[in-house]
Amino acid sequence: MNLFAYNTLNKEITTNMRKCARCEKTSQMGGHRILLRGHYNPTNWTRKYPNLQYATIEGKRQLVCTGCLRTLHKAPHKVVRGKATAVAAAK
């Protein structure tokens, strides 16, 4: 995947961030202190990336996070309040 795109209007190179096509989830910076070698080389920040997978949505191949992928594959269910119990009681 090409992460750089050439903008012809402004004549500059822009970066495309990896994000979910549905919910636009991107990476996040997390911050607790990680001690690698005692007190000599502490690192304070880590970047956490979403679990992006390629999926075909509406005929296009897109990057989608696994939370949205689960939601896409769920069977749609109909919730009708009051009517479902009334139909079952009438039979």
PDB file of N, CA and C in Angstrom:
ATOM      1  N   MET A   1       0.840  -1.171   0.000  1.00  0.00           N
ATOM      2  CA  MET A   1       0.000   0.000   0.000  1.00  0.00           C
ATOM      3  C   MET A   1       0.884   1.232   0.000  1.00  0.00           C
ATOM      4  N   ASN A   2       0.597   2.155  -0.868  1.00  0.00           N
ATOM      5  CA  ASN A   2       1.386   3.368  -0.965  1.00  0.00           C
ATOM      6  C   ASN A   2       0.907   4.361   0.081  1.00  0.00           C
ATOM      7  N   LEU A   3       1.780   4.734   1.023  1.00  0.00           N
ATOM      8  CA  LEU A   3       1.402   5.657   2.074  1.00  0.00           C
ATOM      9  C   LEU A   3       1.638   7.107   1.683  1.00  0.00           C
ATOM     10  N   PHE A   4       2.237   7.351   0.536  1.00  0.00           N
ATOM     11  CA  PHE A   4       2.489   8.714   0.087  1.00  0.00           C
ATOM     12  C   PHE A   4       1.680   8.986  -1.171  1.00  0.00           C
ATOM     13  N   ALA A   5       1.088  10.148  -1.244  1.00  0.00           N
ATOM     14  CA  ALA A   5       0.322  10.548  -2.420  1.00  0.00           C
ATOM     15  C   ALA A   5       0.811  11.917  -2.860  1.00  0.00           C
ATOM     16  N   TYR A   6       0.913  12.128  -4.148  1.00  0.00           N
ATOM     17  CA  TYR A   6       1.390  13.400  -4.686  1.00  0.00           C
ATOM     18  C   TYR A   6       0.193  14.281  -4.993  1.00  0.00           C
ATOM     19  N   ASN A   7       0.104  15.412  -4.313  1.00  0.00           N
ATOM     20  CA  ASN A   7      -0.984  16.348  -4.522  1.00  0.00           C
ATOM     21  C   ASN A   7      -0.620  17.251  -5.690  1.00  0.00           C
ATOM     22  N   THR A   8      -1.373  17.169  -6.789  1.00  0.00           N
ATOM     23  CA  THR A   8      -1.019  17.929  -7.992  1.00  0.00           C
ATOM     24  C   THR A   8      -1.387  19.397  -7.873  1.00  0.00           C
ATOM     25  N   LEU A   9      -2.371  19.744  -7.042  1.00  0.00           N
ATOM     26  CA  LEU A   9      -2.762  21.144  -6.909  1.00  0.00           C
ATOM     27  C   LEU A   9      -1.720  21.948  -6.136  1.00  0.00           C
ATOM     28  N   ASN A  10      -1.255  21.421  -5.017  1.00  0.00           N
ATOM     29  CA  ASN A  10      -0.309  22.153  -4.170  1.00  0.00           C
ATOM     30  C   ASN A  10       1.136  21.770  -4.431  1.00  0.00           C
ATOM     31  N   LYS A  11       1.359  20.797  -5.324  1.00  0.00           N
ATOM     32  CA  LYS A  11       2.704  20.315  -5.651  1.00  0.00           C
ATOM     33  C   LYS A  11       3.472  19.875  -4.395  1.00  0.00           C
ATOM     34  N   GLU A  12       2.835  19.054  -3.585  1.00  0.00           N
ATOM     35  CA  GLU A  12       3.486  18.566  -2.379  1.00  0.00           C
ATOM     36  C   GLU A  12       3.127  17.105  -2.168  1.00  0.00           C
ATOM     37  N   ILE A  13       3.906  16.445  -1.359  1.00  0.00           N
ATOM     38  CA  ILE A  13       3.674  15.043  -1.039  1.00  0.00           C
ATOM     39  C   ILE A  13       2.946  14.984   0.297  1.00  0.00           C
ATOM     40  N   THR A  14       1.813  14.314   0.316  1.00  0.00           N
ATOM     41  CA  THR A  14       1.050  14.167   1.544  1.00  0.00           C
ATOM     42  C   THR A  14       1.047  12.693   1.935  1.00  0.00           C
ATOM     43  N   THR A  15       0.892  12.430   3.223  1.00  0.00           N
ATOM     44  CA  THR A  15       0.856  11.049   3.703  1.00  0.00           C
ATOM     45  C   THR A  15      -0.582  10.652   3.965  1.00  0.00           C
ATOM     46  N   ASN A  16      -0.906   9.419   3.631  1.00  0.00           N
ATOM     47  CA  ASN A  16      -2.227   8.873   3.920  1.00  0.00           C
ATOM     48  C   ASN A  16      -2.116   8.047   5.192  1.00  0.00           C
ATOM     49  N   MET A  17      -2.846   8.450   6.224  1.00  0.00           N
ATOM     50  CA  MET A  17      -2.787   7.730   7.476  1.00  0.00           C
ATOM     51  C   MET A  17      -3.621   6.463   7.372  1.00  0.00           C
ATOM     52  N   ARG A  18      -3.155   5.400   7.989  1.00  0.00           N
ATOM     53  CA  ARG A  18      -3.914   4.160   8.000  1.00  0.00           C
ATOM     54  C   ARG A  18      -5.047   4.318   8.991  1.00  0.00           C
ATOM     55  N   LYS A  19      -6.279   4.259   8.485  1.00  0.00           N
ATOM     56  CA  LYS A  19      -7.435   4.382   9.355  1.00  0.00           C
ATOM     57  C   LYS A  19      -8.573   3.546   8.799  1.00  0.00           C
ATOM     58  N   CYS A  20      -9.522   3.260   9.663  1.00  0.00           N
ATOM     59  CA  CYS A  20     -10.682   2.460   9.284  1.00  0.00           C
ATOM     60  C   CYS A  20     -11.555   3.263   8.329  1.00  0.00           C
ATOM     61  N   ALA A  21     -12.077   2.596   7.308  1.00  0.00           N
ATOM     62  CA  ALA A  21     -12.911   3.273   6.321  1.00  0.00           C
ATOM     63  C   ALA A  21     -14.299   3.585   6.867  1.00  0.00           C
ATOM     64  N   ARG A  22     -14.764   2.849   7.889  1.00  0.00           N
ATOM     65  CA  ARG A  22     -16.108   3.079   8.434  1.00  0.00           C
ATOM     66  C   ARG A  22     -16.093   4.022   9.622  1.00  0.00           C
ATOM     67  N   CYS A  23     -15.295   3.738  10.645  1.00  0.00           N
ATOM     68  CA  CYS A  23     -15.342   4.543  11.870  1.00  0.00           C
ATOM     69  C   CYS A  23     -14.171   5.517  11.969  1.00  0.00           C
ATOM     70  N   GLU A  24     -13.240   5.475  11.027  1.00  0.00           N
ATOM     71  CA  GLU A  24     -12.066   6.346  10.969  1.00  0.00           C
ATOM     72  C   GLU A  24     -11.192   6.235  12.216  1.00  0.00           C
ATOM     73  N   LYS A  25     -11.084   5.022  12.750  1.00  0.00           N
ATOM     74  CA  LYS A  25     -10.205   4.788  13.898  1.00  0.00           C
ATOM     75  C   LYS A  25      -8.753   4.819  13.418  1.00  0.00           C
ATOM     76  N   THR A  26      -7.906   5.539  14.139  1.00  0.00           N
ATOM     77  CA  THR A  26      -6.489   5.646  13.796  1.00  0.00           C
ATOM     78  C   THR A  26      -5.654   5.229  15.000  1.00  0.00           C
ATOM     79  N   SER A  27      -4.353   5.431  14.893  1.00  0.00           N
ATOM     80  CA  SER A  27      -3.467   5.068  15.981  1.00  0.00           C
ATOM     81  C   SER A  27      -3.610   6.054  17.134  1.00  0.00           C
ATOM     82  N   GLN A  28      -3.244   5.586  18.334  1.00  0.00           N
ATOM     83  CA  GLN A  28      -3.312   6.419  19.526  1.00  0.00           C
ATOM     84  C   GLN A  28      -1.996   6.326  20.271  1.00  0.00           C
ATOM     85  N   MET A  29      -1.624   7.442  20.894  1.00  0.00           N
ATOM     86  CA  MET A  29      -0.430   7.452  21.725  1.00  0.00           C
ATOM     87  C   MET A  29      -0.829   7.054  23.136  1.00  0.00           C
ATOM     88  N   GLY A  30      -0.080   6.118  23.711  1.00  0.00           N
ATOM     89  CA  GLY A  30      -0.325   5.695  25.084  1.00  0.00           C
ATOM     90  C   GLY A  30       0.867   6.083  25.931  1.00  0.00           C
ATOM     91  N   GLY A  31       0.647   6.299  27.198  1.00  0.00           N
ATOM     92  CA  GLY A  31       1.755   6.776  28.003  1.00  0.00           C
ATOM     93  C   GLY A  31       1.824   6.218  29.394  1.00  0.00           C
ATOM     94  N   HIS A  32       2.459   5.077  29.566  1.00  0.00           N
ATOM     95  CA  HIS A  32       2.916   4.700  30.894  1.00  0.00           C
ATOM     96  C   HIS A  32       4.392   4.359  30.763  1.00  0.00           C
ATOM     97  N   ARG A  33       5.106   4.465  31.837  1.00  0.00           N
ATOM     98  CA  ARG A  33       6.554   4.368  31.777  1.00  0.00           C
ATOM     99  C   ARG A  33       6.984   2.913  31.635  1.00  0.00           C
ATOM    100  N   ILE A  34       7.753   2.647  30.594  1.00  0.00           N
ATOM    101  CA  ILE A  34       8.283   1.308  30.346  1.00  0.00           C
ATOM    102  C   ILE A  34       9.776   1.353  30.644  1.00  0.00           C
ATOM    103  N   LEU A  35      10.231   0.555  31.588  1.00  0.00           N
ATOM    104  CA  LEU A  35      11.650   0.522  31.930  1.00  0.00           C
ATOM    105  C   LEU A  35      12.305  -0.623  31.177  1.00  0.00           C
ATOM    106  N   LEU A  36      13.127  -0.273  30.188  1.00  0.00           N
ATOM    107  CA  LEU A  36      13.771  -1.304  29.381  1.00  0.00           C
ATOM    108  C   LEU A  36      14.978  -1.888  30.079  1.00  0.00           C
ATOM    109  N   ARG A  37      15.907  -1.050  30.472  1.00  0.00           N
ATOM    110  CA  ARG A  37      17.131  -1.512  31.136  1.00  0.00           C
ATOM    111  C   ARG A  37      17.307  -0.746  32.437  1.00  0.00           C
ATOM    112  N   GLY A  38      16.468  -1.027  33.404  1.00  0.00           N
ATOM    113  CA  GLY A  38      16.571  -0.317  34.674  1.00  0.00           C
ATOM    114  C   GLY A  38      16.141   1.129  34.524  1.00  0.00           C
ATOM    115  N   HIS A  39      16.931   2.047  35.044  1.00  0.00           N
ATOM    116  CA  HIS A  39      16.603   3.471  34.987  1.00  0.00           C
ATOM    117  C   HIS A  39      17.363   4.187  33.887  1.00  0.00           C
ATOM    118  N   TYR A  40      18.104   3.466  33.068  1.00  0.00           N
ATOM    119  CA  TYR A  40      19.007   4.124  32.126  1.00  0.00           C
ATOM    120  C   TYR A  40      18.317   4.536  30.828  1.00  0.00           C
ATOM    121  N   ASN A  41      17.354   3.755  30.375  1.00  0.00           N
ATOM    122  CA  ASN A  41      16.729   4.066  29.093  1.00  0.00           C
ATOM    123  C   ASN A  41      15.205   3.932  29.210  1.00  0.00           C
ATOM    124  N   PRO A  42      14.566   4.839  29.961  1.00  0.00           N
ATOM    125  CA  PRO A  42      13.115   4.734  30.061  1.00  0.00           C
ATOM    126  C   PRO A  42      12.436   5.300  28.817  1.00  0.00           C
ATOM    127  N   THR A  43      11.357   4.666  28.395  1.00  0.00           N
ATOM    128  CA  THR A  43      10.564   5.192  27.286  1.00  0.00           C
ATOM    129  C   THR A  43       9.175   5.487  27.823  1.00  0.00           C
ATOM    130  N   ASN A  44       8.667   6.675  27.546  1.00  0.00           N
ATOM    131  CA  ASN A  44       7.397   7.097  28.122  1.00  0.00           C
ATOM    132  C   ASN A  44       6.223   6.882  27.194  1.00  0.00           C
ATOM    133  N   TRP A  45       6.448   6.918  25.893  1.00  0.00           N
ATOM    134  CA  TRP A  45       5.324   6.901  24.961  1.00  0.00           C
ATOM    135  C   TRP A  45       5.384   5.685  24.044  1.00  0.00           C
ATOM    136  N   THR A  46       4.223   5.101  23.822  1.00  0.00           N
ATOM    137  CA  THR A  46       4.093   4.029  22.836  1.00  0.00           C
ATOM    138  C   THR A  46       2.902   4.351  21.943  1.00  0.00           C
ATOM    139  N   ARG A  47       2.954   3.925  20.705  1.00  0.00           N
ATOM    140  CA  ARG A  47       1.851   4.148  19.769  1.00  0.00           C
ATOM    141  C   ARG A  47       1.132   2.828  19.561  1.00  0.00           C
ATOM    142  N   LYS A  48      -0.175   2.846  19.756  1.00  0.00           N
ATOM    143  CA  LYS A  48      -0.982   1.641  19.585  1.00  0.00           C
ATOM    144  C   LYS A  48      -1.798   1.788  18.305  1.00  0.00           C
ATOM    145  N   TYR A  49      -1.727   0.765  17.466  1.00  0.00           N
ATOM    146  CA  TYR A  49      -2.381   0.791  16.165  1.00  0.00           C
ATOM    147  C   TYR A  49      -3.653  -0.047  16.190  1.00  0.00           C
ATOM    148  N   PRO A  50      -4.684   0.351  15.430  1.00  0.00           N
ATOM    149  CA  PRO A  50      -5.886  -0.487  15.348  1.00  0.00           C
ATOM    150  C   PRO A  50      -5.615  -1.715  14.488  1.00  0.00           C
ATOM    151  N   ASN A  51      -6.392  -2.761  14.708  1.00  0.00           N
ATOM    152  CA  ASN A  51      -6.249  -3.997  13.957  1.00  0.00           C
ATOM    153  C   ASN A  51      -7.033  -3.846  12.650  1.00  0.00           C
ATOM    154  N   LEU A  52      -6.355  -3.374  11.610  1.00  0.00           N
ATOM    155  CA  LEU A  52      -6.999  -3.120  10.321  1.00  0.00           C
ATOM    156  C   LEU A  52      -6.826  -4.315   9.401  1.00  0.00           C
ATOM    157  N   GLN A  53      -7.906  -4.690   8.744  1.00  0.00           N
ATOM    158  CA  GLN A  53      -7.903  -5.803   7.805  1.00  0.00           C
ATOM    159  C   GLN A  53      -8.552  -5.335   6.509  1.00  0.00           C
ATOM    160  N   TYR A  54      -8.109  -5.915   5.394  1.00  0.00           N
ATOM    161  CA  TYR A  54      -8.734  -5.595   4.120  1.00  0.00           C
ATOM    162  C   TYR A  54     -10.043  -6.362   3.985  1.00  0.00           C
ATOM    163  N   ALA A  55     -11.074  -5.654   3.553  1.00  0.00           N
ATOM    164  CA  ALA A  55     -12.380  -6.282   3.333  1.00  0.00           C
ATOM    165  C   ALA A  55     -13.021  -5.636   2.116  1.00  0.00           C
ATOM    166  N   THR A  56     -13.851  -6.390   1.425  1.00  0.00           N
ATOM    167  CA  THR A  56     -14.571  -5.861   0.276  1.00  0.00           C
ATOM    168  C   THR A  56     -15.929  -5.360   0.752  1.00  0.00           C
ATOM    169  N   ILE A  57     -16.106  -4.043   0.683  1.00  0.00           N
ATOM    170  CA  ILE A  57     -17.337  -3.405   1.129  1.00  0.00           C
ATOM    171  C   ILE A  57     -17.896  -2.626  -0.048  1.00  0.00           C
ATOM    172  N   GLU A  58     -19.112  -2.968  -0.435  1.00  0.00           N
ATOM    173  CA  GLU A  58     -19.799  -2.315  -1.546  1.00  0.00           C
ATOM    174  C   GLU A  58     -18.959  -2.350  -2.826  1.00  0.00           C
ATOM    175  N   GLY A  59     -18.281  -3.462  -3.063  1.00  0.00           N
ATOM    176  CA  GLY A  59     -17.500  -3.644  -4.283  1.00  0.00           C
ATOM    177  C   GLY A  59     -16.125  -3.021  -4.244  1.00  0.00           C
ATOM    178  N   LYS A  60     -15.712  -2.415  -3.127  1.00  0.00           N
ATOM    179  CA  LYS A  60     -14.393  -1.800  -3.023  1.00  0.00           C
ATOM    180  C   LYS A  60     -13.588  -2.488  -1.938  1.00  0.00           C
ATOM    181  N   ARG A  61     -12.290  -2.604  -2.172  1.00  0.00           N
ATOM    182  CA  ARG A  61     -11.380  -3.188  -1.188  1.00  0.00           C
ATOM    183  C   ARG A  61     -10.931  -2.077  -0.255  1.00  0.00           C
ATOM    184  N   GLN A  62     -11.293  -2.188   1.034  1.00  0.00           N
ATOM    185  CA  GLN A  62     -11.016  -1.125   1.982  1.00  0.00           C
ATOM    186  C   GLN A  62     -10.392  -1.688   3.248  1.00  0.00           C
ATOM    187  N   LEU A  63      -9.681  -0.821   3.978  1.00  0.00           N
ATOM    188  CA  LEU A  63      -9.152  -1.183   5.288  1.00  0.00           C
ATOM    189  C   LEU A  63     -10.226  -0.928   6.330  1.00  0.00           C
ATOM    190  N   VAL A  64     -10.559  -1.974   7.095  1.00  0.00           N
ATOM    191  CA  VAL A  64     -11.612  -1.888   8.092  1.00  0.00           C
ATOM    192  C   VAL A  64     -11.082  -2.474   9.391  1.00  0.00           C
ATOM    193  N   CYS A  65     -11.389  -1.831  10.521  1.00  0.00           N
ATOM    194  CA  CYS A  65     -10.953  -2.388  11.805  1.00  0.00           C
ATOM    195  C   CYS A  65     -11.806  -3.618  12.129  1.00  0.00           C
ATOM    196  N   THR A  66     -11.312  -4.469  13.003  1.00  0.00           N
ATOM    197  CA  THR A  66     -11.993  -5.730  13.278  1.00  0.00           C
ATOM    198  C   THR A  66     -13.315  -5.513  14.005  1.00  0.00           C
ATOM    199  N   GLY A  67     -13.458  -4.418  14.753  1.00  0.00           N
ATOM    200  CA  GLY A  67     -14.744  -4.128  15.388  1.00  0.00           C
ATOM    201  C   GLY A  67     -15.820  -3.853  14.359  1.00  0.00           C
ATOM    202  N   CYS A  68     -15.482  -3.074  13.335  1.00  0.00           N
ATOM    203  CA  CYS A  68     -16.448  -2.801  12.262  1.00  0.00           C
ATOM    204  C   CYS A  68     -16.681  -4.037  11.410  1.00  0.00           C
ATOM    205  N   LEU A  69     -15.661  -4.872  11.249  1.00  0.00           N
ATOM    206  CA  LEU A  69     -15.808  -6.095  10.459  1.00  0.00           C
ATOM    207  C   LEU A  69     -16.787  -7.056  11.123  1.00  0.00           C
ATOM    208  N   ARG A  70     -16.741  -7.144  12.442  1.00  0.00           N
ATOM    209  CA  ARG A  70     -17.704  -7.966  13.178  1.00  0.00           C
ATOM    210  C   ARG A  70     -19.111  -7.419  13.011  1.00  0.00           C
ATOM    211  N   THR A  71     -19.239  -6.094  13.064  1.00  0.00           N
ATOM    212  CA  THR A  71     -20.553  -5.478  12.918  1.00  0.00           C
ATOM    213  C   THR A  71     -21.113  -5.707  11.524  1.00  0.00           C
ATOM    214  N   LEU A  72     -20.256  -5.688  10.499  1.00  0.00           N
ATOM    215  CA  LEU A  72     -20.710  -5.911   9.125  1.00  0.00           C
ATOM    216  C   LEU A  72     -21.235  -7.324   8.914  1.00  0.00           C
ATOM    217  N   HIS A  73     -20.635  -8.305   9.587  1.00  0.00           N
ATOM    218  CA  HIS A  73     -21.002  -9.698   9.355  1.00  0.00           C
ATOM    219  C   HIS A  73     -22.104 -10.192  10.276  1.00  0.00           C
ATOM    220  N   LYS A  74     -22.575  -9.338  11.173  1.00  0.00           N
ATOM    221  CA  LYS A  74     -23.685  -9.749  12.023  1.00  0.00           C
ATOM    222  C   LYS A  74     -24.953  -9.807  11.198  1.00  0.00           C
ATOM    223  N   ALA A  75     -25.801 -10.772  11.501  1.00  0.00           N
ATOM    224  CA  ALA A  75     -27.075 -10.882  10.793  1.00  0.00           C
ATOM    225  C   ALA A  75     -27.999  -9.774  11.284  1.00  0.00           C
ATOM    226  N   PRO A  76     -28.626  -9.063  10.371  1.00  0.00           N
ATOM    227  CA  PRO A  76     -29.551  -8.014  10.823  1.00  0.00           C
ATOM    228  C   PRO A  76     -30.760  -8.640  11.496  1.00  0.00           C
ATOM    229  N   HIS A  77     -31.143  -8.097  12.626  1.00  0.00           N
ATOM    230  CA  HIS A  77     -32.302  -8.630  13.340  1.00  0.00           C
ATOM    231  C   HIS A  77     -33.335  -7.523  13.495  1.00  0.00           C
ATOM    232  N   LYS A  78     -34.580  -7.944  13.523  1.00  0.00           N
ATOM    233  CA  LYS A  78     -35.681  -6.997  13.634  1.00  0.00           C
ATOM    234  C   LYS A  78     -36.242  -7.055  15.042  1.00  0.00           C
ATOM    235  N   VAL A  79     -36.339  -5.895  15.645  1.00  0.00           N
ATOM    236  CA  VAL A  79     -36.911  -5.806  16.979  1.00  0.00           C
ATOM    237  C   VAL A  79     -38.201  -5.006  16.867  1.00  0.00           C
ATOM    238  N   VAL A  80     -39.294  -5.675  17.098  1.00  0.00           N
ATOM    239  CA  VAL A  80     -40.593  -5.013  17.076  1.00  0.00           C
ATOM    240  C   VAL A  80     -41.170  -5.169  18.471  1.00  0.00           C
ATOM    241  N   ARG A  81     -41.306  -4.063  19.174  1.00  0.00           N
ATOM    242  CA  ARG A  81     -41.764  -4.132  20.560  1.00  0.00           C
ATOM    243  C   ARG A  81     -43.290  -4.238  20.615  1.00  0.00           C
ATOM    244  N   GLY A  82     -43.734  -5.152  21.410  1.00  0.00           N
ATOM    245  CA  GLY A  82     -45.165  -5.306  21.622  1.00  0.00           C
ATOM    246  C   GLY A  82     -45.844  -6.188  20.592  1.00  0.00           C
ATOM    247  N   LYS A  83     -45.459  -6.102  19.338  1.00  0.00           N
ATOM    248  CA  LYS A  83     -46.132  -6.856  18.279  1.00  0.00           C
ATOM    249  C   LYS A  83     -45.716  -8.322  18.272  1.00  0.00           C
ATOM    250  N   ALA A  84     -44.468  -8.609  18.615  1.00  0.00           N
ATOM    251  CA  ALA A  84     -43.993  -9.995  18.578  1.00  0.00           C
ATOM    252  C   ALA A  84     -44.715 -10.828  19.634  1.00  0.00           C
ATOM    253  N   THR A  85     -44.925 -10.265  20.799  1.00  0.00           N
ATOM    254  CA  THR A  85     -45.627 -11.011  21.832  1.00  0.00           C
ATOM    255  C   THR A  85     -47.110 -11.142  21.504  1.00  0.00           C
ATOM    256  N   ALA A  86     -47.687 -10.134  20.856  1.00  0.00           N
ATOM    257  CA  ALA A  86     -49.099 -10.180  20.515  1.00  0.00           C
ATOM    258  C   ALA A  86     -49.360 -11.219  19.420  1.00  0.00           C
ATOM    259  N   VAL A  87     -48.451 -11.358  18.469  1.00  0.00           N
ATOM    260  CA  VAL A  87     -48.604 -12.344  17.401  1.00  0.00           C
ATOM    261  C   VAL A  87     -48.465 -13.751  17.966  1.00  0.00           C
ATOM    262  N   ALA A  88     -47.512 -13.935  18.884  1.00  0.00           N
ATOM    263  CA  ALA A  88     -47.319 -15.264  19.483  1.00  0.00           C
ATOM    264  C   ALA A  88     -48.508 -15.649  20.355  1.00  0.00           C
ATOM    265  N   ALA A  89     -49.109 -14.684  21.037  1.00  0.00           N
ATOM    266  CA  ALA A  89     -50.258 -14.978  21.911  1.00  0.00           C
ATOM    267  C   ALA A  89     -51.520 -15.269  21.084  1.00  0.00           C
ATOM    268  N   ALA A  90     -51.663 -14.664  19.903  1.00  0.00           N
ATOM    269  CA  ALA A  90     -52.844 -14.868  19.071  1.00  0.00           C
ATOM    270  C   ALA A  90     -52.876 -16.259  18.449  1.00  0.00           C
ATOM    271  N   LYS A  91     -51.722 -16.850  18.210  1.00  0.00           N
ATOM    272  CA  LYS A  91     -51.674 -18.189  17.602  1.00  0.00           C
ATOM    273  C   LYS A  91     -51.958 -19.195  18.637  1.00  0.00           C
TER     274      LYS A  91
END
